[in-house]
Amino acid sequence: MRLRIASAIFALITAISPAIALAGTVWYDGSDPGDNYSWDLYGDNTAVRIHDGECDGDGGYANYYTTGDLGTERRVDDPDGCSSAEGTASSLFYLYKHRTCEDHQFAPDPCSGYNFE
């Protein structure tokens, strides 16, 4: 009986773990879909991180706003793209919303929709 309960609990945790990991994450599908994304960190929404893993020459960045300055758009860039390094920005205020974008030369930068925290 205990084994069944433990198995049921494990199955439930396994089923909801991806949803928890993806909460607050915003993808922009560039040349390799899903490789540009930003997300909020630390569970208290005081930081945003950007990842560009495409190696396509177009850098990834995130625009974000905080509750301390709702009218000021801020930006954090992935420092080198297509590798394990990621850009991170922290704030004393809570993250209000953020989106993922890709830097295109000679054309408007395409972006995802905003994720509202």
PDB file of N, CA and C in Angstrom:
ATOM      1  N   MET A   1       0.827  -1.196   0.000  1.00  0.00           N
ATOM      2  CA  MET A   1       0.000   0.000   0.000  1.00  0.00           C
ATOM      3  C   MET A   1       0.872   1.261   0.000  1.00  0.00           C
ATOM      4  N   ARG A   2       1.922   1.281   0.835  1.00  0.00           N
ATOM      5  CA  ARG A   2       2.799   2.456   0.881  1.00  0.00           C
ATOM      6  C   ARG A   2       3.505   2.668  -0.451  1.00  0.00           C
ATOM      7  N   LEU A   3       3.862   1.562  -1.091  1.00  0.00           N
ATOM      8  CA  LEU A   3       4.527   1.662  -2.384  1.00  0.00           C
ATOM      9  C   LEU A   3       3.601   2.292  -3.418  1.00  0.00           C
ATOM     10  N   ARG A   4       2.318   1.969  -3.394  1.00  0.00           N
ATOM     11  CA  ARG A   4       1.359   2.554  -4.326  1.00  0.00           C
ATOM     12  C   ARG A   4       1.211   4.054  -4.082  1.00  0.00           C
ATOM     13  N   ILE A   5       1.140   4.445  -2.822  1.00  0.00           N
ATOM     14  CA  ILE A   5       1.014   5.866  -2.488  1.00  0.00           C
ATOM     15  C   ILE A   5       2.269   6.619  -2.918  1.00  0.00           C
ATOM     16  N   ALA A   6       3.435   6.042  -2.637  1.00  0.00           N
ATOM     17  CA  ALA A   6       4.691   6.679  -3.041  1.00  0.00           C
ATOM     18  C   ALA A   6       4.774   6.778  -4.566  1.00  0.00           C
ATOM     19  N   SER A   7       4.343   5.726  -5.265  1.00  0.00           N
ATOM     20  CA  SER A   7       4.359   5.750  -6.730  1.00  0.00           C
ATOM     21  C   SER A   7       3.407   6.808  -7.269  1.00  0.00           C
ATOM     22  N   ALA A   8       2.245   6.947  -6.656  1.00  0.00           N
ATOM     23  CA  ALA A   8       1.266   7.953  -7.092  1.00  0.00           C
ATOM     24  C   ALA A   8       1.804   9.363  -6.860  1.00  0.00           C
ATOM     25  N   ILE A   9       2.438   9.584  -5.718  1.00  0.00           N
ATOM     26  CA  ILE A   9       3.018  10.900  -5.428  1.00  0.00           C
ATOM     27  C   ILE A   9       4.134  11.215  -6.418  1.00  0.00           C
ATOM     28  N   PHE A  10       5.002  10.254  -6.683  1.00  0.00           N
ATOM     29  CA  PHE A  10       6.090  10.444  -7.641  1.00  0.00           C
ATOM     30  C   PHE A  10       5.537  10.772  -9.027  1.00  0.00           C
ATOM     31  N   ALA A  11       4.490  10.056  -9.453  1.00  0.00           N
ATOM     32  CA  ALA A  11       3.886  10.301 -10.766  1.00  0.00           C
ATOM     33  C   ALA A  11       3.303  11.707 -10.844  1.00  0.00           C
ATOM     34  N   LEU A  12       2.671  12.162  -9.768  1.00  0.00           N
ATOM     35  CA  LEU A  12       2.094  13.505  -9.736  1.00  0.00           C
ATOM     36  C   LEU A  12       3.186  14.565  -9.824  1.00  0.00           C
ATOM     37  N   ILE A  13       4.247  14.399  -9.055  1.00  0.00           N
ATOM     38  CA  ILE A  13       5.358  15.359  -9.079  1.00  0.00           C
ATOM     39  C   ILE A  13       6.003  15.387 -10.458  1.00  0.00           C
ATOM     40  N   THR A  14       6.196  14.241 -11.056  1.00  0.00           N
ATOM     41  CA  THR A  14       6.793  14.155 -12.391  1.00  0.00           C
ATOM     42  C   THR A  14       5.900  14.840 -13.418  1.00  0.00           C
ATOM     43  N   ALA A  15       4.594  14.688 -13.272  1.00  0.00           N
ATOM     44  CA  ALA A  15       3.665  15.278 -14.237  1.00  0.00           C
ATOM     45  C   ALA A  15       3.639  16.795 -14.153  1.00  0.00           C
ATOM     46  N   ILE A  16       3.744  17.370 -12.951  1.00  0.00           N
ATOM     47  CA  ILE A  16       3.639  18.827 -12.829  1.00  0.00           C
ATOM     48  C   ILE A  16       4.986  19.531 -12.896  1.00  0.00           C
ATOM     49  N   SER A  17       6.085  18.815 -12.795  1.00  0.00           N
ATOM     50  CA  SER A  17       7.406  19.454 -12.830  1.00  0.00           C
ATOM     51  C   SER A  17       7.653  20.266 -14.090  1.00  0.00           C
ATOM     52  N   PRO A  18       7.346  19.775 -15.312  1.00  0.00           N
ATOM     53  CA  PRO A  18       7.567  20.598 -16.494  1.00  0.00           C
ATOM     54  C   PRO A  18       6.770  21.896 -16.461  1.00  0.00           C
ATOM     55  N   ALA A  19       5.546  21.850 -15.959  1.00  0.00           N
ATOM     56  CA  ALA A  19       4.731  23.062 -15.881  1.00  0.00           C
ATOM     57  C   ALA A  19       5.354  24.080 -14.941  1.00  0.00           C
ATOM     58  N   ILE A  20       5.906  23.617 -13.834  1.00  0.00           N
ATOM     59  CA  ILE A  20       6.559  24.520 -12.893  1.00  0.00           C
ATOM     60  C   ILE A  20       7.808  25.117 -13.523  1.00  0.00           C
ATOM     61  N   ALA A  21       8.595  24.305 -14.204  1.00  0.00           N
ATOM     62  CA  ALA A  21       9.830  24.783 -14.823  1.00  0.00           C
ATOM     63  C   ALA A  21       9.554  25.785 -15.936  1.00  0.00           C
ATOM     64  N   LEU A  22       8.415  25.663 -16.615  1.00  0.00           N
ATOM     65  CA  LEU A  22       8.103  26.527 -17.742  1.00  0.00           C
ATOM     66  C   LEU A  22       7.342  27.777 -17.339  1.00  0.00           C
ATOM     67  N   ALA A  23       6.871  27.854 -16.120  1.00  0.00           N
ATOM     68  CA  ALA A  23       6.124  29.028 -15.685  1.00  0.00           C
ATOM     69  C   ALA A  23       7.000  30.263 -15.795  1.00  0.00           C
ATOM     70  N   GLY A  24       6.487  31.310 -16.404  1.00  0.00           N
ATOM     71  CA  GLY A  24       7.230  32.550 -16.538  1.00  0.00           C
ATOM     72  C   GLY A  24       8.220  32.569 -17.683  1.00  0.00           C
ATOM     73  N   THR A  25       8.261  31.518 -18.510  1.00  0.00           N
ATOM     74  CA  THR A  25       9.206  31.438 -19.619  1.00  0.00           C
ATOM     75  C   THR A  25       8.534  31.904 -20.906  1.00  0.00           C
ATOM     76  N   VAL A  26       9.268  32.711 -21.701  1.00  0.00           N
ATOM     77  CA  VAL A  26       8.747  33.220 -22.968  1.00  0.00           C
ATOM     78  C   VAL A  26       9.712  32.836 -24.073  1.00  0.00           C
ATOM     79  N   TRP A  27       9.212  32.175 -25.109  1.00  0.00           N
ATOM     80  CA  TRP A  27      10.024  31.758 -26.238  1.00  0.00           C
ATOM     81  C   TRP A  27       9.780  32.671 -27.422  1.00  0.00           C
ATOM     82  N   TYR A  28      10.857  32.949 -28.168  1.00  0.00           N
ATOM     83  CA  TYR A  28      10.716  33.516 -29.512  1.00  0.00           C
ATOM     84  C   TYR A  28      11.299  32.481 -30.460  1.00  0.00           C
ATOM     85  N   ASP A  29      10.502  32.017 -31.397  1.00  0.00           N
ATOM     86  CA  ASP A  29      10.958  30.989 -32.330  1.00  0.00           C
ATOM     87  C   ASP A  29      11.663  31.636 -33.505  1.00  0.00           C
ATOM     88  N   GLY A  30      12.991  31.592 -33.492  1.00  0.00           N
ATOM     89  CA  GLY A  30      13.797  32.145 -34.573  1.00  0.00           C
ATOM     90  C   GLY A  30      14.075  31.084 -35.609  1.00  0.00           C
ATOM     91  N   SER A  31      15.298  31.054 -36.100  1.00  0.00           N
ATOM     92  CA  SER A  31      15.634  30.088 -37.147  1.00  0.00           C
ATOM     93  C   SER A  31      15.636  28.655 -36.632  1.00  0.00           C
ATOM     94  N   ASP A  32      15.921  28.464 -35.364  1.00  0.00           N
ATOM     95  CA  ASP A  32      15.823  27.150 -34.721  1.00  0.00           C
ATOM     96  C   ASP A  32      14.777  27.275 -33.623  1.00  0.00           C
ATOM     97  N   PRO A  33      13.535  26.906 -33.877  1.00  0.00           N
ATOM     98  CA  PRO A  33      12.449  27.163 -32.935  1.00  0.00           C
ATOM     99  C   PRO A  33      12.757  26.747 -31.503  1.00  0.00           C
ATOM    100  N   GLY A  34      12.442  27.653 -30.590  1.00  0.00           N
ATOM    101  CA  GLY A  34      12.583  27.373 -29.168  1.00  0.00           C
ATOM    102  C   GLY A  34      13.940  27.700 -28.582  1.00  0.00           C
ATOM    103  N   ASP A  35      14.881  28.175 -29.395  1.00  0.00           N
ATOM    104  CA  ASP A  35      16.223  28.409 -28.878  1.00  0.00           C
ATOM    105  C   ASP A  35      16.436  29.811 -28.308  1.00  0.00           C
ATOM    106  N   ASN A  36      15.509  30.725 -28.464  1.00  0.00           N
ATOM    107  CA  ASN A  36      15.560  32.042 -27.824  1.00  0.00           C
ATOM    108  C   ASN A  36      14.470  32.070 -26.760  1.00  0.00           C
ATOM    109  N   TYR A  37      14.854  32.269 -25.512  1.00  0.00           N
ATOM    110  CA  TYR A  37      13.841  32.344 -24.474  1.00  0.00           C
ATOM    111  C   TYR A  37      14.351  33.135 -23.275  1.00  0.00           C
ATOM    112  N   SER A  38      13.405  33.711 -22.558  1.00  0.00           N
ATOM    113  CA  SER A  38      13.715  34.437 -21.326  1.00  0.00           C
ATOM    114  C   SER A  38      12.773  33.951 -20.242  1.00  0.00           C
ATOM    115  N   TRP A  39      13.213  34.085 -18.995  1.00  0.00           N
ATOM    116  CA  TRP A  39      12.378  33.632 -17.884  1.00  0.00           C
ATOM    117  C   TRP A  39      12.725  34.424 -16.632  1.00  0.00           C
ATOM    118  N   ASP A  40      11.774  34.412 -15.694  1.00  0.00           N
ATOM    119  CA  ASP A  40      11.982  35.077 -14.407  1.00  0.00           C
ATOM    120  C   ASP A  40      12.681  34.109 -13.460  1.00  0.00           C
ATOM    121  N   LEU A  41      13.508  34.666 -12.574  1.00  0.00           N
ATOM    122  CA  LEU A  41      14.327  33.848 -11.682  1.00  0.00           C
ATOM    123  C   LEU A  41      13.885  33.942 -10.236  1.00  0.00           C
ATOM    124  N   TYR A  42      14.370  33.027  -9.451  1.00  0.00           N
ATOM    125  CA  TYR A  42      14.340  33.061  -7.985  1.00  0.00           C
ATOM    126  C   TYR A  42      12.968  32.946  -7.348  1.00  0.00           C
ATOM    127  N   GLY A  43      11.908  32.840  -8.100  1.00  0.00           N
ATOM    128  CA  GLY A  43      10.595  32.683  -7.509  1.00  0.00           C
ATOM    129  C   GLY A  43      10.008  33.954  -6.928  1.00  0.00           C
ATOM    130  N   ASP A  44      10.822  34.992  -6.744  1.00  0.00           N
ATOM    131  CA  ASP A  44      10.279  36.255  -6.227  1.00  0.00           C
ATOM    132  C   ASP A  44      10.201  37.310  -7.328  1.00  0.00           C
ATOM    133  N   ASN A  45      10.488  36.908  -8.574  1.00  0.00           N
ATOM    134  CA  ASN A  45      10.351  37.773  -9.741  1.00  0.00           C
ATOM    135  C   ASN A  45      11.154  39.060  -9.649  1.00  0.00           C
ATOM    136  N   THR A  46      12.386  38.993  -9.192  1.00  0.00           N
ATOM    137  CA  THR A  46      13.233  40.178  -9.140  1.00  0.00           C
ATOM    138  C   THR A  46      14.378  40.106 -10.150  1.00  0.00           C
ATOM    139  N   ALA A  47      14.343  39.138 -11.052  1.00  0.00           N
ATOM    140  CA  ALA A  47      15.393  39.015 -12.056  1.00  0.00           C
ATOM    141  C   ALA A  47      14.833  38.341 -13.305  1.00  0.00           C
ATOM    142  N   VAL A  48      15.464  38.636 -14.434  1.00  0.00           N
ATOM    143  CA  VAL A  48      15.102  38.010 -15.706  1.00  0.00           C
ATOM    144  C   VAL A  48      16.388  37.516 -16.360  1.00  0.00           C
ATOM    145  N   ARG A  49      16.296  36.383 -17.032  1.00  0.00           N
ATOM    146  CA  ARG A  49      17.448  35.795 -17.714  1.00  0.00           C
ATOM    147  C   ARG A  49      17.067  35.537 -19.170  1.00  0.00           C
ATOM    148  N   ILE A  50      18.038  35.732 -20.083  1.00  0.00           N
ATOM    149  CA  ILE A  50      17.826  35.513 -21.517  1.00  0.00           C
ATOM    150  C   ILE A  50      18.809  34.459 -22.020  1.00  0.00           C
ATOM    151  N   HIS A  51      18.344  33.600 -22.904  1.00  0.00           N
ATOM    152  CA  HIS A  51      19.184  32.568 -23.510  1.00  0.00           C
ATOM    153  C   HIS A  51      18.987  32.589 -25.018  1.00  0.00           C
ATOM    154  N   ASP A  52      20.092  32.673 -25.767  1.00  0.00           N
ATOM    155  CA  ASP A  52      20.077  32.574 -27.223  1.00  0.00           C
ATOM    156  C   ASP A  52      20.974  31.412 -27.597  1.00  0.00           C
ATOM    157  N   GLY A  53      20.401  30.321 -28.044  1.00  0.00           N
ATOM    158  CA  GLY A  53      21.190  29.137 -28.335  1.00  0.00           C
ATOM    159  C   GLY A  53      21.237  28.780 -29.799  1.00  0.00           C
ATOM    160  N   GLU A  54      21.015  29.732 -30.702  1.00  0.00           N
ATOM    161  CA  GLU A  54      20.867  29.392 -32.109  1.00  0.00           C
ATOM    162  C   GLU A  54      22.147  29.424 -32.941  1.00  0.00           C
ATOM    163  N   CYS A  55      23.125  30.225 -32.617  1.00  0.00           N
ATOM    164  CA  CYS A  55      24.330  30.385 -33.453  1.00  0.00           C
ATOM    165  C   CYS A  55      23.969  30.852 -34.859  1.00  0.00           C
ATOM    166  N   ASP A  56      22.989  31.762 -34.961  1.00  0.00           N
ATOM    167  CA  ASP A  56      22.545  32.238 -36.271  1.00  0.00           C
ATOM    168  C   ASP A  56      23.015  33.660 -36.570  1.00  0.00           C
ATOM    169  N   GLY A  57      23.816  34.247 -35.698  1.00  0.00           N
ATOM    170  CA  GLY A  57      24.321  35.596 -35.912  1.00  0.00           C
ATOM    171  C   GLY A  57      23.390  36.686 -35.432  1.00  0.00           C
ATOM    172  N   ASP A  58      22.180  36.337 -35.011  1.00  0.00           N
ATOM    173  CA  ASP A  58      21.218  37.297 -34.482  1.00  0.00           C
ATOM    174  C   ASP A  58      21.126  37.111 -32.978  1.00  0.00           C
ATOM    175  N   GLY A  59      21.581  38.096 -32.227  1.00  0.00           N
ATOM    176  CA  GLY A  59      21.594  37.987 -30.776  1.00  0.00           C
ATOM    177  C   GLY A  59      20.206  38.009 -30.171  1.00  0.00           C
ATOM    178  N   GLY A  60      20.050  37.308 -29.063  1.00  0.00           N
ATOM    179  CA  GLY A  60      18.798  37.307 -28.332  1.00  0.00           C
ATOM    180  C   GLY A  60      18.858  38.311 -27.198  1.00  0.00           C
ATOM    181  N   TYR A  61      17.712  38.917 -26.870  1.00  0.00           N
ATOM    182  CA  TYR A  61      17.628  39.819 -25.725  1.00  0.00           C
ATOM    183  C   TYR A  61      16.223  39.798 -25.155  1.00  0.00           C
ATOM    184  N   ALA A  62      16.083  40.313 -23.964  1.00  0.00           N
ATOM    185  CA  ALA A  62      14.775  40.412 -23.325  1.00  0.00           C
ATOM    186  C   ALA A  62      14.516  41.858 -22.965  1.00  0.00           C
ATOM    187  N   ASN A  63      13.313  42.329 -23.256  1.00  0.00           N
ATOM    188  CA  ASN A  63      12.821  43.609 -22.748  1.00  0.00           C
ATOM    189  C   ASN A  63      12.022  43.292 -21.502  1.00  0.00           C
ATOM    190  N   TYR A  64      12.168  44.128 -20.461  1.00  0.00           N
ATOM    191  CA  TYR A  64      11.397  43.877 -19.246  1.00  0.00           C
ATOM    192  C   TYR A  64      11.050  45.179 -18.540  1.00  0.00           C
ATOM    193  N   TYR A  65      10.035  45.111 -17.725  1.00  0.00           N
ATOM    194  CA  TYR A  65       9.576  46.221 -16.906  1.00  0.00           C
ATOM    195  C   TYR A  65       9.479  45.734 -15.468  1.00  0.00           C
ATOM    196  N   THR A  66       9.689  46.635 -14.510  1.00  0.00           N
ATOM    197  CA  THR A  66       9.540  46.286 -13.097  1.00  0.00           C
ATOM    198  C   THR A  66       8.429  47.129 -12.482  1.00  0.00           C
ATOM    199  N   THR A  67       7.963  46.726 -11.308  1.00  0.00           N
ATOM    200  CA  THR A  67       6.895  47.462 -10.626  1.00  0.00           C
ATOM    201  C   THR A  67       7.365  48.817 -10.121  1.00  0.00           C
ATOM    202  N   GLY A  68       8.659  49.020  -9.990  1.00  0.00           N
ATOM    203  CA  GLY A  68       9.186  50.302  -9.510  1.00  0.00           C
ATOM    204  C   GLY A  68       9.201  51.373 -10.570  1.00  0.00           C
ATOM    205  N   ASP A  69       9.152  50.980 -11.837  1.00  0.00           N
ATOM    206  CA  ASP A  69       9.194  51.951 -12.938  1.00  0.00           C
ATOM    207  C   ASP A  69       8.429  51.394 -14.135  1.00  0.00           C
ATOM    208  N   LEU A  70       7.118  51.305 -14.005  1.00  0.00           N
ATOM    209  CA  LEU A  70       6.283  50.650 -15.012  1.00  0.00           C
ATOM    210  C   LEU A  70       6.440  51.235 -16.413  1.00  0.00           C
ATOM    211  N   GLY A  71       6.858  52.491 -16.529  1.00  0.00           N
ATOM    212  CA  GLY A  71       6.970  53.109 -17.838  1.00  0.00           C
ATOM    213  C   GLY A  71       8.341  53.001 -18.464  1.00  0.00           C
ATOM    214  N   THR A  72       9.314  52.406 -17.793  1.00  0.00           N
ATOM    215  CA  THR A  72      10.674  52.331 -18.308  1.00  0.00           C
ATOM    216  C   THR A  72      10.982  50.933 -18.810  1.00  0.00           C
ATOM    217  N   GLU A  73      11.190  50.832 -20.140  1.00  0.00           N
ATOM    218  CA  GLU A  73      11.577  49.545 -20.706  1.00  0.00           C
ATOM    219  C   GLU A  73      13.071  49.338 -20.494  1.00  0.00           C
ATOM    220  N   ARG A  74      13.428  48.185 -19.992  1.00  0.00           N
ATOM    221  CA  ARG A  74      14.828  47.829 -19.783  1.00  0.00           C
ATOM    222  C   ARG A  74      15.170  46.659 -20.699  1.00  0.00           C
ATOM    223  N   ARG A  75      16.473  46.427 -20.872  1.00  0.00           N
ATOM    224  CA  ARG A  75      16.907  45.377 -21.793  1.00  0.00           C
ATOM    225  C   ARG A  75      18.086  44.630 -21.188  1.00  0.00           C
ATOM    226  N   VAL A  76      18.083  43.316 -21.381  1.00  0.00           N
ATOM    227  CA  VAL A  76      19.228  42.474 -21.031  1.00  0.00           C
ATOM    228  C   VAL A  76      19.534  41.594 -22.243  1.00  0.00           C
ATOM    229  N   ASP A  77      20.828  41.520 -22.603  1.00  0.00           N
ATOM    230  CA  ASP A  77      21.268  40.760 -23.773  1.00  0.00           C
ATOM    231  C   ASP A  77      21.944  39.465 -23.355  1.00  0.00           C
ATOM    232  N   ASP A  78      21.820  38.456 -24.202  1.00  0.00           N
ATOM    233  CA  ASP A  78      22.654  37.271 -24.059  1.00  0.00           C
ATOM    234  C   ASP A  78      24.048  37.708 -24.497  1.00  0.00           C
ATOM    235  N   PRO A  79      25.068  37.504 -23.666  1.00  0.00           N
ATOM    236  CA  PRO A  79      26.380  38.079 -23.973  1.00  0.00           C
ATOM    237  C   PRO A  79      27.082  37.495 -25.194  1.00  0.00           C
ATOM    238  N   ASP A  80      26.820  36.256 -25.539  1.00  0.00           N
ATOM    239  CA  ASP A  80      27.551  35.689 -26.669  1.00  0.00           C
ATOM    240  C   ASP A  80      26.717  34.777 -27.555  1.00  0.00           C
ATOM    241  N   GLY A  81      25.489  34.487 -27.204  1.00  0.00           N
ATOM    242  CA  GLY A  81      24.641  33.630 -28.040  1.00  0.00           C
ATOM    243  C   GLY A  81      25.239  32.257 -28.268  1.00  0.00           C
ATOM    244  N   CYS A  82      24.444  31.351 -28.680  1.00  0.00           N
ATOM    245  CA  CYS A  82      24.783  29.994 -29.120  1.00  0.00           C
ATOM    246  C   CYS A  82      25.760  29.242 -28.215  1.00  0.00           C
ATOM    247  N   SER A  83      25.779  29.547 -26.954  1.00  0.00           N
ATOM    248  CA  SER A  83      26.593  28.767 -26.022  1.00  0.00           C
ATOM    249  C   SER A  83      25.879  28.707 -24.686  1.00  0.00           C
ATOM    250  N   SER A  84      26.573  28.251 -23.675  1.00  0.00           N
ATOM    251  CA  SER A  84      25.934  28.069 -22.379  1.00  0.00           C
ATOM    252  C   SER A  84      25.783  29.363 -21.592  1.00  0.00           C
ATOM    253  N   ALA A  85      26.475  30.437 -21.980  1.00  0.00           N
ATOM    254  CA  ALA A  85      26.364  31.703 -21.241  1.00  0.00           C
ATOM    255  C   ALA A  85      24.990  32.328 -21.476  1.00  0.00           C
ATOM    256  N   GLU A  86      24.485  33.012 -20.467  1.00  0.00           N
ATOM    257  CA  GLU A  86      23.181  33.672 -20.549  1.00  0.00           C
ATOM    258  C   GLU A  86      23.295  35.046 -19.921  1.00  0.00           C
ATOM    259  N   GLY A  87      22.435  35.949 -20.343  1.00  0.00           N
ATOM    260  CA  GLY A  87      22.398  37.277 -19.749  1.00  0.00           C
ATOM    261  C   GLY A  87      21.402  37.313 -18.612  1.00  0.00           C
ATOM    262  N   THR A  88      21.743  38.002 -17.523  1.00  0.00           N
ATOM    263  CA  THR A  88      20.858  38.105 -16.362  1.00  0.00           C
ATOM    264  C   THR A  88      20.806  39.543 -15.891  1.00  0.00           C
ATOM    265  N   ALA A  89      19.616  40.007 -15.559  1.00  0.00           N
ATOM    266  CA  ALA A  89      19.442  41.336 -14.986  1.00  0.00           C
ATOM    267  C   ALA A  89      18.610  41.204 -13.720  1.00  0.00           C
ATOM    268  N   SER A  90      19.041  41.869 -12.645  1.00  0.00           N
ATOM    269  CA  SER A  90      18.325  41.839 -11.378  1.00  0.00           C
ATOM    270  C   SER A  90      17.801  43.233 -11.051  1.00  0.00           C
ATOM    271  N   SER A  91      16.791  43.288 -10.206  1.00  0.00           N
ATOM    272  CA  SER A  91      16.186  44.554  -9.825  1.00  0.00           C
ATOM    273  C   SER A  91      15.816  44.509  -8.353  1.00  0.00           C
ATOM    274  N   LEU A  92      15.732  45.674  -7.741  1.00  0.00           N
ATOM    275  CA  LEU A  92      15.220  45.753  -6.376  1.00  0.00           C
ATOM    276  C   LEU A  92      13.704  45.627  -6.364  1.00  0.00           C
ATOM    277  N   PHE A  93      13.091  45.809  -7.526  1.00  0.00           N
ATOM    278  CA  PHE A  93      11.640  45.752  -7.653  1.00  0.00           C
ATOM    279  C   PHE A  93      11.222  44.460  -8.340  1.00  0.00           C
ATOM    280  N   TYR A  94       9.945  44.151  -8.235  1.00  0.00           N
ATOM    281  CA  TYR A  94       9.430  42.937  -8.858  1.00  0.00           C
ATOM    282  C   TYR A  94       9.321  43.110 -10.369  1.00  0.00           C
ATOM    283  N   LEU A  95       9.614  42.030 -11.079  1.00  0.00           N
ATOM    284  CA  LEU A  95       9.462  41.998 -12.516  1.00  0.00           C
ATOM    285  C   LEU A  95       7.979  42.051 -12.837  1.00  0.00           C
ATOM    286  N   TYR A  96       7.584  42.992 -13.686  1.00  0.00           N
ATOM    287  CA  TYR A  96       6.175  43.150 -14.041  1.00  0.00           C
ATOM    288  C   TYR A  96       5.831  42.364 -15.304  1.00  0.00           C
ATOM    289  N   LYS A  97       6.654  42.529 -16.343  1.00  0.00           N
ATOM    290  CA  LYS A  97       6.453  41.778 -17.581  1.00  0.00           C
ATOM    291  C   LYS A  97       7.770  41.711 -18.338  1.00  0.00           C
ATOM    292  N   HIS A  98       7.892  40.717 -19.208  1.00  0.00           N
ATOM    293  CA  HIS A  98       9.080  40.579 -20.042  1.00  0.00           C
ATOM    294  C   HIS A  98       8.725  39.859 -21.333  1.00  0.00           C
ATOM    295  N   ARG A  99       9.591  40.051 -22.338  1.00  0.00           N
ATOM    296  CA  ARG A  99       9.416  39.361 -23.626  1.00  0.00           C
ATOM    297  C   ARG A  99      10.790  39.023 -24.197  1.00  0.00           C
ATOM    298  N   THR A 100      10.815  38.087 -25.121  1.00  0.00           N
ATOM    299  CA  THR A 100      12.043  37.642 -25.767  1.00  0.00           C
ATOM    300  C   THR A 100      12.085  38.194 -27.188  1.00  0.00           C
ATOM    301  N   CYS A 101      13.257  38.721 -27.576  1.00  0.00           N
ATOM    302  CA  CYS A 101      13.419  39.301 -28.909  1.00  0.00           C
ATOM    303  C   CYS A 101      14.703  38.780 -29.559  1.00  0.00           C
ATOM    304  N   GLU A 102      14.795  39.008 -30.856  1.00  0.00           N
ATOM    305  CA  GLU A 102      15.994  38.657 -31.595  1.00  0.00           C
ATOM    306  C   GLU A 102      16.444  39.890 -32.362  1.00  0.00           C
ATOM    307  N   ASP A 103      17.727  40.222 -32.260  1.00  0.00           N
ATOM    308  CA  ASP A 103      18.302  41.424 -32.850  1.00  0.00           C
ATOM    309  C   ASP A 103      18.579  41.197 -34.332  1.00  0.00           C
ATOM    310  N   HIS A 104      17.822  41.871 -35.203  1.00  0.00           N
ATOM    311  CA  HIS A 104      18.008  41.754 -36.643  1.00  0.00           C
ATOM    312  C   HIS A 104      18.545  43.068 -37.197  1.00  0.00           C
ATOM    313  N   GLN A 105      19.592  43.009 -38.016  1.00  0.00           N
ATOM    314  CA  GLN A 105      20.114  44.213 -38.657  1.00  0.00           C
ATOM    315  C   GLN A 105      19.244  44.583 -39.852  1.00  0.00           C
ATOM    316  N   PHE A 106      19.040  45.885 -40.024  1.00  0.00           N
ATOM    317  CA  PHE A 106      18.321  46.433 -41.169  1.00  0.00           C
ATOM    318  C   PHE A 106      16.869  45.970 -41.253  1.00  0.00           C
ATOM    319  N   ALA A 107      16.297  45.559 -40.144  1.00  0.00           N
ATOM    320  CA  ALA A 107      14.894  45.136 -40.106  1.00  0.00           C
ATOM    321  C   ALA A 107      14.396  45.263 -38.673  1.00  0.00           C
ATOM    322  N   PRO A 108      13.095  45.415 -38.491  1.00  0.00           N
ATOM    323  CA  PRO A 108      12.568  45.458 -37.121  1.00  0.00           C
ATOM    324  C   PRO A 108      12.863  44.152 -36.392  1.00  0.00           C
ATOM    325  N   ASP A 109      13.148  44.260 -35.103  1.00  0.00           N
ATOM    326  CA  ASP A 109      13.437  43.066 -34.295  1.00  0.00           C
ATOM    327  C   ASP A 109      12.137  42.328 -33.984  1.00  0.00           C
ATOM    328  N   PRO A 110      12.047  41.060 -34.353  1.00  0.00           N
ATOM    329  CA  PRO A 110      10.863  40.281 -33.986  1.00  0.00           C
ATOM    330  C   PRO A 110      10.922  39.899 -32.502  1.00  0.00           C
ATOM    331  N   CYS A 111       9.755  39.903 -31.859  1.00  0.00           N
ATOM    332  CA  CYS A 111       9.671  39.595 -30.428  1.00  0.00           C
ATOM    333  C   CYS A 111       8.461  38.719 -30.149  1.00  0.00           C
ATOM    334  N   SER A 112       8.529  38.029 -29.033  1.00  0.00           N
ATOM    335  CA  SER A 112       7.370  37.280 -28.542  1.00  0.00           C
ATOM    336  C   SER A 112       6.391  38.276 -27.922  1.00  0.00           C
ATOM    337  N   GLY A 113       5.262  37.770 -27.507  1.00  0.00           N
ATOM    338  CA  GLY A 113       4.350  38.574 -26.699  1.00  0.00           C
ATOM    339  C   GLY A 113       4.931  38.712 -25.294  1.00  0.00           C
ATOM    340  N   TYR A 114       4.349  39.607 -24.497  1.00  0.00           N
ATOM    341  CA  TYR A 114       4.810  39.787 -23.115  1.00  0.00           C
ATOM    342  C   TYR A 114       4.238  38.717 -22.203  1.00  0.00           C
ATOM    343  N   ASN A 115       5.052  38.295 -21.256  1.00  0.00           N
ATOM    344  CA  ASN A 115       4.600  37.448 -20.161  1.00  0.00           C
ATOM    345  C   ASN A 115       4.385  38.355 -18.965  1.00  0.00           C
ATOM    346  N   PHE A 116       3.171  38.408 -18.453  1.00  0.00           N
ATOM    347  CA  PHE A 116       2.856  39.226 -17.288  1.00  0.00           C
ATOM    348  C   PHE A 116       2.972  38.390 -16.045  1.00  0.00           C
ATOM    349  N   GLU A 117       3.756  38.854 -15.114  1.00  0.00           N
ATOM    350  CA  GLU A 117       4.005  38.111 -13.885  1.00  0.00           C
ATOM    351  C   GLU A 117       2.854  38.268 -12.916  1.00  0.00           C
TER     352      GLU A 117
END
